[in-house]
Amino acid sequence: MRARATVLAAENTTPRMRRLTVGGPEVRAFLGTPGVDGAAAWVKVFEPRGEGRAYTIRRMDRAAGTLELDFVLHGDQGPAGPVSTWAEGARVGDVVQIAGPRQGGFACPAATQWVLLAGDATALPAIQSIARSLPQGMAAKAYVEVASPEEAQPMESAAPLRTHWITADTAQPGLALQHALMFRPLPPGPGYAWLAGESGAVHALRDHLQTHWGAERLQVSAKGYWKAGQRDFRNAD
């Protein structure tokens, strides 16, 4: 489904993250689409010239008829894509197109006793969405690689979630996240890991976790959202 969305609010929640709240009659109808409220569900955002990129729905509000979408601001950390460039300058009243929704790949098996969430700043909205979906009795940890401590954001969850904020090595995105997780002991019992961010780092971490812990102990879902050195990366997961 495709919908015309009007920017109702725009703010920089951190130095490198901009949040747009979009709404309007077509968005209100869009919120009735199956799957729109799924954990880590995403939409494709098309800036006014027609270029489109995928972004996670950080939060939806059916009563208000709105969606919250977060956009990483690149600053001096390399070229930005057309949609993040548009979002950086977007103001209340601007119009954009969205399409979808699509599933975010979070599929926790019924026997899971604990959940591990890990990713970089591009995965933070999805991690926040998943965290809000976790039940009270689910043990959970989140590891988020960000540019600086100022990029940390609140994490809401009914589960007893512990969040670890990791400062990124800008020259090697994802490396700090790998180092934080690769040799950390895991809780007892069957677990589930959801990983997203820079493609090379995410898949290296997935392979290590599956090899080291075994598929019977740890189920892993991995999503490459972007790839270092590629401006228009297409996730093949």
C-alpha atoms as a PDB file:
ATOM      1  CA  MET A   1       0.000   0.000   0.000  1.00  0.00           C
ATOM      2  CA  ARG A   2       1.206   3.507  -0.803  1.00  0.00           C
ATOM      3  CA  ALA A   3       0.218   6.621   1.148  1.00  0.00           C
ATOM      4  CA  ARG A   4       0.758  10.372   1.031  1.00  0.00           C
ATOM      5  CA  ALA A   5       2.191  11.483   4.376  1.00  0.00           C
ATOM      6  CA  THR A   6       2.456  15.006   5.786  1.00  0.00           C
ATOM      7  CA  VAL A   7       5.171  15.924   8.273  1.00  0.00           C
ATOM      8  CA  LEU A   8       3.408  16.912  11.498  1.00  0.00           C
ATOM      9  CA  ALA A   9       6.481  17.216  13.733  1.00  0.00           C
ATOM     10  CA  ALA A  10      10.243  17.275  13.179  1.00  0.00           C
ATOM     11  CA  GLU A  11      13.011  17.271  15.750  1.00  0.00           C
ATOM     12  CA  ASN A  12      16.599  16.184  16.240  1.00  0.00           C
ATOM     13  CA  THR A  13      16.412  13.732  19.128  1.00  0.00           C
ATOM     14  CA  THR A  14      20.221  13.456  19.284  1.00  0.00           C
ATOM     15  CA  PRO A  15      23.004  15.207  17.332  1.00  0.00           C
ATOM     16  CA  ARG A  16      22.831  12.490  14.652  1.00  0.00           C
ATOM     17  CA  MET A  17      19.199  11.353  14.702  1.00  0.00           C
ATOM     18  CA  ARG A  18      16.218  13.230  13.290  1.00  0.00           C
ATOM     19  CA  ARG A  19      12.665  12.138  14.049  1.00  0.00           C
ATOM     20  CA  LEU A  20       9.733  12.903  11.769  1.00  0.00           C
ATOM     21  CA  THR A  21       6.136  12.293  12.791  1.00  0.00           C
ATOM     22  CA  VAL A  22       3.942  11.896   9.719  1.00  0.00           C
ATOM     23  CA  GLY A  23       0.177  11.702   9.389  1.00  0.00           C
ATOM     24  CA  GLY A  24      -2.822  12.661   7.300  1.00  0.00           C
ATOM     25  CA  PRO A  25      -5.894  10.835   5.939  1.00  0.00           C
ATOM     26  CA  GLU A  26      -3.908   8.357   3.861  1.00  0.00           C
ATOM     27  CA  VAL A  27      -1.576   7.531   6.754  1.00  0.00           C
ATOM     28  CA  ARG A  28      -4.575   6.890   8.997  1.00  0.00           C
ATOM     29  CA  ALA A  29      -5.858   4.390   6.419  1.00  0.00           C
ATOM     30  CA  PHE A  30      -2.340   2.941   6.077  1.00  0.00           C
ATOM     31  CA  LEU A  31      -2.353   2.101   9.791  1.00  0.00           C
ATOM     32  CA  GLY A  32      -5.045  -0.478   9.094  1.00  0.00           C
ATOM     33  CA  THR A  33      -2.706  -2.468   6.835  1.00  0.00           C
ATOM     34  CA  PRO A  34      -1.851  -5.941   8.210  1.00  0.00           C
ATOM     35  CA  GLY A  35       1.645  -6.075   9.720  1.00  0.00           C
ATOM     36  CA  VAL A  36       2.080  -2.350  10.264  1.00  0.00           C
ATOM     37  CA  ASP A  37       2.273  -2.879  14.030  1.00  0.00           C
ATOM     38  CA  GLY A  38       4.737  -5.788  13.851  1.00  0.00           C
ATOM     39  CA  ALA A  39       8.031  -5.573  15.742  1.00  0.00           C
ATOM     40  CA  ALA A  40      10.629  -3.825  13.526  1.00  0.00           C
ATOM     41  CA  ALA A  41       8.163  -3.422  10.638  1.00  0.00           C
ATOM     42  CA  TRP A  42       9.413  -0.999   8.003  1.00  0.00           C
ATOM     43  CA  VAL A  43       8.205   1.175   5.173  1.00  0.00           C
ATOM     44  CA  LYS A  44       9.836   2.593   2.102  1.00  0.00           C
ATOM     45  CA  VAL A  45      10.078   6.384   2.199  1.00  0.00           C
ATOM     46  CA  PHE A  46      10.132   8.253  -1.120  1.00  0.00           C
ATOM     47  CA  GLU A  47      11.489  11.796  -1.017  1.00  0.00           C
ATOM     48  CA  PRO A  48       9.806  14.376  -3.323  1.00  0.00           C
ATOM     49  CA  ARG A  49      12.046  13.594  -6.323  1.00  0.00           C
ATOM     50  CA  GLY A  50      11.073   9.923  -6.148  1.00  0.00           C
ATOM     51  CA  GLU A  51      14.139   8.286  -4.573  1.00  0.00           C
ATOM     52  CA  GLY A  52      13.166   5.677  -1.990  1.00  0.00           C
ATOM     53  CA  ARG A  53      14.838   3.980   0.994  1.00  0.00           C
ATOM     54  CA  ALA A  54      13.644   1.607   3.720  1.00  0.00           C
ATOM     55  CA  TYR A  55      13.078   2.919   7.267  1.00  0.00           C
ATOM     56  CA  THR A  56      11.758   1.190  10.363  1.00  0.00           C
ATOM     57  CA  ILE A  57       8.529   2.364  11.938  1.00  0.00           C
ATOM     58  CA  ARG A  58       9.792   3.472  15.335  1.00  0.00           C
ATOM     59  CA  ARG A  59       6.296   3.930  16.729  1.00  0.00           C
ATOM     60  CA  MET A  60       2.738   4.093  15.464  1.00  0.00           C
ATOM     61  CA  ASP A  61      -0.291   5.740  17.058  1.00  0.00           C
ATOM     62  CA  ARG A  62      -3.628   4.600  15.649  1.00  0.00           C
ATOM     63  CA  ALA A  63      -5.606   7.037  17.794  1.00  0.00           C
ATOM     64  CA  ALA A  64      -3.611   9.988  16.445  1.00  0.00           C
ATOM     65  CA  GLY A  65      -3.203   8.453  12.978  1.00  0.00           C
ATOM     66  CA  THR A  66       0.574   8.961  12.960  1.00  0.00           C
ATOM     67  CA  LEU A  67       3.882   7.193  12.379  1.00  0.00           C
ATOM     68  CA  GLU A  68       7.284   8.067  13.854  1.00  0.00           C
ATOM     69  CA  LEU A  69      10.307   7.567  11.599  1.00  0.00           C
ATOM     70  CA  ASP A  70      13.933   8.149  12.650  1.00  0.00           C
ATOM     71  CA  PHE A  71      16.674   9.120  10.176  1.00  0.00           C
ATOM     72  CA  VAL A  72      20.410   8.914  10.862  1.00  0.00           C
ATOM     73  CA  LEU A  73      22.167  12.182  10.020  1.00  0.00           C
ATOM     74  CA  HIS A  74      25.573  11.564   8.507  1.00  0.00           C
ATOM     75  CA  GLY A  75      27.176  14.948   9.106  1.00  0.00           C
ATOM     76  CA  ASP A  76      30.858  14.712   8.166  1.00  0.00           C
ATOM     77  CA  GLN A  77      30.861  10.891   8.255  1.00  0.00           C
ATOM     78  CA  GLY A  78      30.529  10.405   4.506  1.00  0.00           C
ATOM     79  CA  PRO A  79      27.905  11.119   1.823  1.00  0.00           C
ATOM     80  CA  ALA A  80      24.261  10.903   2.819  1.00  0.00           C
ATOM     81  CA  GLY A  81      21.596   9.236   0.723  1.00  0.00           C
ATOM     82  CA  PRO A  82      18.777  11.230  -0.910  1.00  0.00           C
ATOM     83  CA  VAL A  83      16.147  10.362   1.711  1.00  0.00           C
ATOM     84  CA  SER A  84      18.295  11.146   4.762  1.00  0.00           C
ATOM     85  CA  THR A  85      19.322  14.401   3.055  1.00  0.00           C
ATOM     86  CA  TRP A  86      15.655  15.275   2.563  1.00  0.00           C
ATOM     87  CA  ALA A  87      14.809  14.310   6.158  1.00  0.00           C
ATOM     88  CA  GLU A  88      17.566  16.523   7.555  1.00  0.00           C
ATOM     89  CA  GLY A  89      15.849  19.563   6.066  1.00  0.00           C
ATOM     90  CA  ALA A  90      12.225  18.418   6.362  1.00  0.00           C
ATOM     91  CA  ARG A  91       9.815  20.770   8.114  1.00  0.00           C
ATOM     92  CA  VAL A  92       6.214  20.629   9.325  1.00  0.00           C
ATOM     93  CA  GLY A  93       3.886  20.651   6.320  1.00  0.00           C
ATOM     94  CA  ASP A  94       6.285  18.901   3.935  1.00  0.00           C
ATOM     95  CA  VAL A  95       4.851  15.935   2.048  1.00  0.00           C
ATOM     96  CA  VAL A  96       6.437  12.540   1.419  1.00  0.00           C
ATOM     97  CA  GLN A  97       5.256   9.166   0.105  1.00  0.00           C
ATOM     98  CA  ILE A  98       5.489   5.915   2.053  1.00  0.00           C
ATOM     99  CA  ALA A  99       4.859   2.335   0.905  1.00  0.00           C
ATOM    100  CA  GLY A 100       4.613  -1.019   2.645  1.00  0.00           C
ATOM    101  CA  PRO A 101       4.680  -2.170   5.335  1.00  0.00           C
ATOM    102  CA  ARG A 102       7.156  -5.063   5.395  1.00  0.00           C
ATOM    103  CA  GLN A 103       8.192  -7.412   8.178  1.00  0.00           C
ATOM    104  CA  GLY A 104      11.351  -6.629  10.126  1.00  0.00           C
ATOM    105  CA  GLY A 105      12.597 -10.184  10.510  1.00  0.00           C
ATOM    106  CA  PHE A 106      11.972 -10.563  14.243  1.00  0.00           C
ATOM    107  CA  ALA A 107      10.620 -14.098  14.697  1.00  0.00           C
ATOM    108  CA  CYS A 108      11.259 -15.307  18.222  1.00  0.00           C
ATOM    109  CA  PRO A 109      10.700 -19.093  18.606  1.00  0.00           C
ATOM    110  CA  ALA A 110       8.143 -20.139  21.216  1.00  0.00           C
ATOM    111  CA  ALA A 111      10.714 -21.931  23.404  1.00  0.00           C
ATOM    112  CA  THR A 112      12.993 -18.878  23.667  1.00  0.00           C
ATOM    113  CA  GLN A 113      14.101 -18.032  27.209  1.00  0.00           C
ATOM    114  CA  TRP A 114      16.151 -14.906  26.441  1.00  0.00           C
ATOM    115  CA  VAL A 115      16.634 -12.389  23.637  1.00  0.00           C
ATOM    116  CA  LEU A 116      19.741 -10.592  22.395  1.00  0.00           C
ATOM    117  CA  LEU A 117      19.315  -7.438  20.267  1.00  0.00           C
ATOM    118  CA  ALA A 118      22.332  -5.873  18.569  1.00  0.00           C
ATOM    119  CA  GLY A 119      22.925  -3.234  15.924  1.00  0.00           C
ATOM    120  CA  ASP A 120      24.220   0.198  15.049  1.00  0.00           C
ATOM    121  CA  ALA A 121      22.408   3.549  14.912  1.00  0.00           C
ATOM    122  CA  THR A 122      20.499   2.548  11.768  1.00  0.00           C
ATOM    123  CA  ALA A 123      19.021  -0.395  13.688  1.00  0.00           C
ATOM    124  CA  LEU A 124      18.125   1.589  16.816  1.00  0.00           C
ATOM    125  CA  PRO A 125      14.491   2.352  15.805  1.00  0.00           C
ATOM    126  CA  ALA A 126      13.952  -1.350  15.112  1.00  0.00           C
ATOM    127  CA  ILE A 127      15.567  -2.350  18.402  1.00  0.00           C
ATOM    128  CA  GLN A 128      13.296   0.110  20.201  1.00  0.00           C
ATOM    129  CA  SER A 129      10.260  -1.327  18.386  1.00  0.00           C
ATOM    130  CA  ILE A 130      11.234  -4.898  19.291  1.00  0.00           C
ATOM    131  CA  ALA A 131      11.962  -3.928  22.901  1.00  0.00           C
ATOM    132  CA  ARG A 132       8.424  -2.576  23.301  1.00  0.00           C
ATOM    133  CA  SER A 133       7.014  -5.873  21.971  1.00  0.00           C
ATOM    134  CA  LEU A 134       8.815  -8.125  24.475  1.00  0.00           C
ATOM    135  CA  PRO A 135       6.730  -9.728  27.237  1.00  0.00           C
ATOM    136  CA  GLN A 136       7.375  -9.072  30.922  1.00  0.00           C
ATOM    137  CA  GLY A 137       8.993 -12.429  31.628  1.00  0.00           C
ATOM    138  CA  MET A 138      11.518 -12.328  28.767  1.00  0.00           C
ATOM    139  CA  ALA A 139      15.149 -11.740  29.778  1.00  0.00           C
ATOM    140  CA  ALA A 140      16.694  -9.390  27.225  1.00  0.00           C
ATOM    141  CA  LYS A 141      19.853  -7.441  26.473  1.00  0.00           C
ATOM    142  CA  ALA A 142      20.507  -4.843  23.774  1.00  0.00           C
ATOM    143  CA  TYR A 143      23.890  -3.778  22.399  1.00  0.00           C
ATOM    144  CA  VAL A 144      23.839  -0.613  20.295  1.00  0.00           C
ATOM    145  CA  GLU A 145      26.861   0.871  18.514  1.00  0.00           C
ATOM    146  CA  VAL A 146      26.581   4.662  18.190  1.00  0.00           C
ATOM    147  CA  ALA A 147      28.890   7.510  17.193  1.00  0.00           C
ATOM    148  CA  SER A 148      29.149   8.963  20.708  1.00  0.00           C
ATOM    149  CA  PRO A 149      27.536   8.686  24.157  1.00  0.00           C
ATOM    150  CA  GLU A 150      25.238  11.606  23.209  1.00  0.00           C
ATOM    151  CA  GLU A 151      23.458   9.260  20.771  1.00  0.00           C
ATOM    152  CA  ALA A 152      21.967   7.071  23.527  1.00  0.00           C
ATOM    153  CA  GLN A 153      18.166   7.111  23.652  1.00  0.00           C
ATOM    154  CA  PRO A 154      15.517   5.796  26.080  1.00  0.00           C
ATOM    155  CA  MET A 155      14.615   2.120  25.704  1.00  0.00           C
ATOM    156  CA  GLU A 156      11.063   1.199  26.699  1.00  0.00           C
ATOM    157  CA  SER A 157      10.180  -2.409  27.438  1.00  0.00           C
ATOM    158  CA  ALA A 158       7.966  -4.464  29.705  1.00  0.00           C
ATOM    159  CA  ALA A 159      10.817  -6.987  29.801  1.00  0.00           C
ATOM    160  CA  PRO A 160      13.773  -6.521  32.181  1.00  0.00           C
ATOM    161  CA  LEU A 161      15.910  -5.141  29.352  1.00  0.00           C
ATOM    162  CA  ARG A 162      19.548  -4.126  29.885  1.00  0.00           C
ATOM    163  CA  THR A 163      21.063  -1.837  27.238  1.00  0.00           C
ATOM    164  CA  HIS A 164      24.782  -1.466  26.523  1.00  0.00           C
ATOM    165  CA  TRP A 165      25.806   1.589  24.466  1.00  0.00           C
ATOM    166  CA  ILE A 166      29.025   1.059  22.520  1.00  0.00           C
ATOM    167  CA  THR A 167      31.057   3.872  20.958  1.00  0.00           C
ATOM    168  CA  ALA A 168      31.822   3.127  17.316  1.00  0.00           C
ATOM    169  CA  ASP A 169      35.180   3.158  15.577  1.00  0.00           C
ATOM    170  CA  THR A 170      34.273   5.446  12.656  1.00  0.00           C
ATOM    171  CA  ALA A 171      37.021   3.940  10.502  1.00  0.00           C
ATOM    172  CA  GLN A 172      35.639   0.403  10.977  1.00  0.00           C
ATOM    173  CA  PRO A 173      31.865   0.448  11.448  1.00  0.00           C
ATOM    174  CA  GLY A 174      30.549  -2.536  13.366  1.00  0.00           C
ATOM    175  CA  LEU A 175      33.939  -3.610  14.724  1.00  0.00           C
ATOM    176  CA  ALA A 176      33.278  -2.343  18.251  1.00  0.00           C
ATOM    177  CA  LEU A 177      29.942  -4.167  18.280  1.00  0.00           C
ATOM    178  CA  GLN A 178      31.619  -7.403  17.213  1.00  0.00           C
ATOM    179  CA  HIS A 179      34.271  -7.084  19.905  1.00  0.00           C
ATOM    180  CA  ALA A 180      31.606  -6.448  22.538  1.00  0.00           C
ATOM    181  CA  LEU A 181      29.667  -9.606  21.687  1.00  0.00           C
ATOM    182  CA  MET A 182      31.863 -12.264  20.147  1.00  0.00           C
ATOM    183  CA  PHE A 183      33.339 -13.631  23.349  1.00  0.00           C
ATOM    184  CA  ARG A 184      30.694 -12.629  25.861  1.00  0.00           C
ATOM    185  CA  PRO A 185      29.060 -15.572  27.688  1.00  0.00           C
ATOM    186  CA  LEU A 186      25.414 -16.140  26.916  1.00  0.00           C
ATOM    187  CA  PRO A 187      22.663 -16.997  29.403  1.00  0.00           C
ATOM    188  CA  PRO A 188      21.632 -20.626  29.894  1.00  0.00           C
ATOM    189  CA  GLY A 189      18.813 -22.118  27.894  1.00  0.00           C
ATOM    190  CA  PRO A 190      17.663 -21.517  24.306  1.00  0.00           C
ATOM    191  CA  GLY A 191      17.990 -17.950  23.060  1.00  0.00           C
ATOM    192  CA  TYR A 192      17.249 -15.777  20.052  1.00  0.00           C
ATOM    193  CA  ALA A 193      19.417 -13.025  18.573  1.00  0.00           C
ATOM    194  CA  TRP A 194      18.265 -10.268  16.219  1.00  0.00           C
ATOM    195  CA  LEU A 195      21.132  -8.372  14.555  1.00  0.00           C
ATOM    196  CA  ALA A 196      21.053  -5.435  12.126  1.00  0.00           C
ATOM    197  CA  GLY A 197      23.331  -2.705  10.808  1.00  0.00           C
ATOM    198  CA  GLU A 198      26.390  -2.621   8.560  1.00  0.00           C
ATOM    199  CA  SER A 199      26.161  -5.730   6.401  1.00  0.00           C
ATOM    200  CA  GLY A 200      29.714  -7.038   6.740  1.00  0.00           C
ATOM    201  CA  ALA A 201      29.796  -6.643  10.511  1.00  0.00           C
ATOM    202  CA  VAL A 202      26.321  -8.106  11.040  1.00  0.00           C
ATOM    203  CA  HIS A 203      27.013 -11.219   9.004  1.00  0.00           C
ATOM    204  CA  ALA A 204      30.419 -11.773  10.598  1.00  0.00           C
ATOM    205  CA  LEU A 205      28.759 -11.586  14.004  1.00  0.00           C
ATOM    206  CA  ARG A 206      25.950 -13.917  12.900  1.00  0.00           C
ATOM    207  CA  ASP A 207      28.412 -16.507  11.615  1.00  0.00           C
ATOM    208  CA  HIS A 208      30.459 -16.363  14.809  1.00  0.00           C
ATOM    209  CA  LEU A 209      27.455 -16.714  17.098  1.00  0.00           C
ATOM    210  CA  GLN A 210      25.994 -19.607  15.141  1.00  0.00           C
ATOM    211  CA  THR A 211      29.344 -21.414  14.952  1.00  0.00           C
ATOM    212  CA  HIS A 212      30.328 -20.778  18.555  1.00  0.00           C
ATOM    213  CA  TRP A 213      26.990 -21.458  20.225  1.00  0.00           C
ATOM    214  CA  GLY A 214      25.265 -23.755  17.745  1.00  0.00           C
ATOM    215  CA  ALA A 215      21.833 -23.507  16.140  1.00  0.00           C
ATOM    216  CA  GLU A 216      20.191 -25.624  18.847  1.00  0.00           C
ATOM    217  CA  ARG A 217      21.285 -23.144  21.536  1.00  0.00           C
ATOM    218  CA  LEU A 218      20.931 -19.855  19.673  1.00  0.00           C
ATOM    219  CA  GLN A 219      18.655 -18.915  16.785  1.00  0.00           C
ATOM    220  CA  VAL A 220      19.883 -15.844  14.856  1.00  0.00           C
ATOM    221  CA  SER A 221      18.203 -13.386  12.472  1.00  0.00           C
ATOM    222  CA  ALA A 222      20.580 -10.942  10.744  1.00  0.00           C
ATOM    223  CA  LYS A 223      19.743  -7.946   8.558  1.00  0.00           C
ATOM    224  CA  GLY A 224      22.300  -5.937   6.599  1.00  0.00           C
ATOM    225  CA  TYR A 225      20.793  -2.435   6.463  1.00  0.00           C
ATOM    226  CA  TRP A 226      23.746  -0.798   4.706  1.00  0.00           C
ATOM    227  CA  LYS A 227      27.277  -1.566   3.522  1.00  0.00           C
ATOM    228  CA  ALA A 228      30.400   0.514   4.063  1.00  0.00           C
ATOM    229  CA  GLY A 229      31.533   2.054   0.782  1.00  0.00           C
ATOM    230  CA  GLN A 230      28.191   1.568  -0.986  1.00  0.00           C
ATOM    231  CA  ARG A 231      25.716   4.434  -1.175  1.00  0.00           C
ATOM    232  CA  ASP A 232      22.802   2.454  -2.617  1.00  0.00           C
ATOM    233  CA  PHE A 233      23.102  -0.925  -0.884  1.00  0.00           C
ATOM    234  CA  ARG A 234      20.270  -3.399  -1.461  1.00  0.00           C
ATOM    235  CA  ASN A 235      19.791  -5.854   1.380  1.00  0.00           C
ATOM    236  CA  ALA A 236      19.665  -9.400   0.032  1.00  0.00           C
ATOM    237  CA  ASP A 237      18.704 -11.097   3.323  1.00  0.00           C
END
